[in-house]
C-alpha cells in the first residue's frame, strides 16, 4: 500500500515530466512504472508485457474508434451532398428570381 508521501512524490514526478514536455500518457506510464519498481520490485516489470497485450487485444477498443470514424465520414459526405443540392437549388431559384425581376421591370 502506498503511503501519502509516496503518492505526493509520484504526483510531483509526473508533473515534472509533463513540465519538461512529455505527453500526459507517457508521463503517467513512466510514473507508474517507477512507482511499481520502487514498491513491488523489478519482477513486476515482467507482467507489463502480458497486461498491455491483453488490453490491446480487446476488439471492443477497436470498434469504438472505427464507429466514430465511420460517423465522421458519413457526416462529411452528407454535408457535401447537402451543399451541392443547396447550390443547385439556390442557383436555380436565384436565376428564376432574376429573370422574373427583369420581366417585371419591362412592364412597369
Protein backbone atom coordinates (compact mmCIF):
# COMPACT_ATOMS: atom_id res chain seq x y z
CA UNK A 1 0.00 0.00 0.00
CA UNK A 2 1.38 3.38 -0.98
CA UNK A 3 1.50 5.96 1.74
CA UNK A 4 0.57 9.61 1.28
CA UNK A 5 4.17 10.80 0.93
CA UNK A 6 4.82 8.31 -1.89
CA UNK A 7 1.66 9.38 -3.72
CA UNK A 8 2.56 13.06 -3.46
CA UNK A 9 6.11 12.30 -4.59
CA UNK A 10 4.81 10.38 -7.62
CA UNK A 11 2.39 13.18 -8.45
CA UNK A 12 5.19 15.74 -8.47
CA UNK A 13 7.35 13.44 -10.60
CA UNK A 14 4.51 13.20 -13.07
CA UNK A 15 4.02 16.98 -13.09
CA UNK A 16 7.77 17.45 -13.57
CA UNK A 17 7.78 15.10 -16.55
CA UNK A 18 4.86 16.96 -18.09
CA UNK A 19 6.60 20.29 -17.42
CA UNK A 20 9.66 19.01 -19.26
CA UNK A 21 7.47 18.38 -22.31
CA UNK A 22 6.46 14.73 -22.25
CA UNK A 23 2.94 13.84 -23.22
CA UNK A 24 0.48 13.16 -20.42
CA UNK A 25 0.14 9.43 -21.16
CA UNK A 26 3.88 8.86 -21.30
CA UNK A 27 4.39 10.81 -18.07
CA UNK A 28 1.74 8.72 -16.34
CA UNK A 29 3.25 5.50 -17.71
CA UNK A 30 6.75 6.45 -16.55
CA UNK A 31 5.47 7.42 -13.10
CA UNK A 32 3.52 4.16 -12.80
CA UNK A 33 6.48 2.02 -13.87
CA UNK A 34 8.80 3.86 -11.48
CA UNK A 35 6.32 3.50 -8.62
CA UNK A 36 5.79 -0.19 -9.34
CA UNK A 37 9.55 -0.79 -9.39
CA UNK A 38 10.00 1.03 -6.06
CA UNK A 39 7.12 -0.62 -4.22
CA UNK A 40 6.95 -4.09 -5.77
CA UNK A 41 10.46 -4.63 -7.09
CA UNK A 42 11.84 -5.32 -10.57
CA UNK A 43 9.96 -8.62 -11.19
CA UNK A 44 6.74 -6.64 -11.63
CA UNK A 45 8.09 -5.39 -14.96
CA UNK A 46 7.76 -8.90 -16.39
CA UNK A 47 3.98 -8.71 -16.09
CA UNK A 48 3.66 -5.43 -18.00
CA UNK A 49 4.01 -7.07 -21.42
CA UNK A 50 1.20 -9.56 -20.92
CA UNK A 51 -1.04 -6.96 -19.28
CA UNK A 52 -0.56 -4.48 -22.12
CA UNK A 53 -1.12 -7.17 -24.75
CA UNK A 54 -4.32 -8.32 -23.05
CA UNK A 55 -5.71 -4.80 -23.00
CA UNK A 56 -4.76 -4.01 -26.60
CA UNK A 57 -6.07 -7.34 -27.90
CA UNK A 58 -9.64 -6.47 -26.90
CA UNK A 59 -11.68 -5.89 -30.05
CA UNK A 60 -14.11 -3.56 -28.29
CA UNK A 61 -11.35 -0.98 -28.12
CA UNK A 62 -11.02 -1.26 -31.90
CA UNK A 63 -14.70 -0.93 -32.75
CA UNK A 64 -15.36 2.28 -30.84
CA UNK A 65 -12.85 4.50 -32.72
CA UNK A 66 -13.83 2.90 -36.03
CA UNK A 67 -17.50 3.66 -35.29
CA UNK A 68 -16.60 7.30 -34.59
CA UNK A 69 -14.56 7.42 -37.81
CA UNK A 70 -17.50 5.99 -39.77
CA UNK A 71 -19.80 8.65 -38.32
CA UNK A 72 -17.36 11.39 -39.27
CA UNK A 73 -17.04 10.09 -42.84
CA UNK A 74 -20.82 9.89 -43.19
CA UNK A 75 -21.21 13.41 -41.81
CA UNK A 76 -18.73 14.84 -44.31
CA UNK A 77 -20.41 13.03 -47.21
CA UNK A 78 -23.84 14.23 -46.09
CA UNK A 79 -22.58 17.81 -45.82
CA UNK A 80 -21.09 17.60 -49.32
CA UNK A 81 -24.33 16.26 -50.79
CA UNK A 82 -26.46 18.85 -49.00
CA UNK A 83 -24.14 21.66 -50.02
CA UNK A 84 -24.23 20.50 -53.64
CA UNK A 85 -28.01 20.26 -53.71
CA UNK A 86 -28.34 23.60 -51.92
CA UNK A 87 -26.11 25.21 -54.53
CA UNK A 88 -28.15 23.68 -57.33
CA UNK A 89 -31.48 24.72 -55.81
CA UNK A 90 -30.34 28.18 -54.79
CA UNK A 91 -28.75 28.91 -58.17
CA UNK A 92 -31.92 27.82 -59.96
CA UNK A 93 -34.12 29.87 -57.65
CA UNK A 94 -31.89 32.93 -57.95
CA UNK A 95 -31.85 32.67 -61.75
CA UNK A 96 -35.64 32.44 -61.82
CA UNK A 97 -35.98 35.40 -59.48
CA UNK A 98 -33.59 37.48 -61.55
CA UNK A 99 -35.45 36.54 -64.74
CA UNK A 100 -38.80 37.38 -63.14
CA UNK A 101 -37.42 40.67 -61.88
CA UNK A 102 -36.22 41.63 -65.37
CA UNK A 103 -39.54 40.64 -66.88
CA UNK A 104 -41.47 42.70 -64.33
CA UNK A 105 -39.37 45.81 -64.99
CA UNK A 106 -40.24 45.77 -68.68
CA UNK A 107 -43.92 46.14 -67.88
CA UNK A 108 -43.53 48.96 -65.38
